[in-house]
Amino acid sequence: MKSTASRQNRHLARESRKIVIMMCIVALSVLAGGLLVEYMNSPQSSENQTIPSNGDVESEIRRSVVDRVVSSNREPVALYYRRAGMSSEQFCCVGTVFNYRDYGTVVMTSEHLFRTDLVGGQTIIIKPLRPSVHWPLFYMGRIVRTAADLGGNDAVMAKIGITHNIIQPFSPYVFSEAGTNFYGDVVIKHTKIPTLRSLVSGKEVRTIGYCQQIIENNNQVFVMIDYPSRAGQSGTGFIDDHDGLWILHASPEPDIALPMLEECRKLSHVTNVTAMSTVSGPFGGNYD
């Protein structure tokens, strides 16, 4: 009897501890939930916001991707990099895969992925973004078109394959400073390009004008669009109504972007512009 009573007491003690632990978990959950609601309802200044890591950017991109086909001959992809000493790859940016007449299946993205301030070479892994697309593992292979071949634009084209290829840094797109901005219609061969459509989200964005930047003492003109972007979204593909492909650059630093945004609101025909990013292009397209 004494042994039975002892076992019952130990059982009751264990159950009591479980109840206490569960009550603590519930209390912490309620507290955390209350803090989260309070945080979300409180005003947040841009100075106090934490800049997300590239992993956070990847999650945001994957949440925004639309599974329907935006362009029948272009596929949005996620790019990952691996450098010497890394145990696994890390998310880098976005790219666009398509068939090119001279090289077969290629991927295009921003050339600053290979900027010369990076130390050592890197392997680029290519994975699909749309949930319905299932591929074997692909890698970025030989570079076949650089900015020098693409009118000085911050863009690069490479073949894709199933074997590793270490690409050494070569891009001049290391540092740049804003030059003169021109607000108004974007025109390619007398054809107005009022909007672009994201290959990732399928959403339409407005063109605002042109942005001239200084890259290694060379003036380069990009097209400005009303679109918020940040590091990790570079390389995102956009298309226009004439089948031209455009490549996104990550948003400039706030001390550059905010004055540009205010200037745009004062001087442009688009008074309700909400954000500013730049794109290179067009690549391909029929504007005749």
Foldseek 3Di string as FASTA:
>chain_A
DVVVVVVVVVVVVVVVVVVVVVVVVVVVVVVVVVVVVVVVPDDDDPVPDDDDDLVVVLVVLLVQFDQDFLDPFKFKKWKWKDFPPDPDTDTAEIWIWGQDPPAGIKIKFFLCVQAQVDPFWIWMWIGGRRPVDDDDIKTFAAWDDACVNVVNGRMTMTHMDDDTDTDHRDDLPDDKDWDDWDFDFDDDPNRTFQWKAWSGNRDIWGWTGWTWMAGVNDTDIWTKILDAFAGRHWHTWIATPQGWIKTWDGADDPVRFVVVVVVSCVPYPPNPRDGITTIDDGDDGDDD
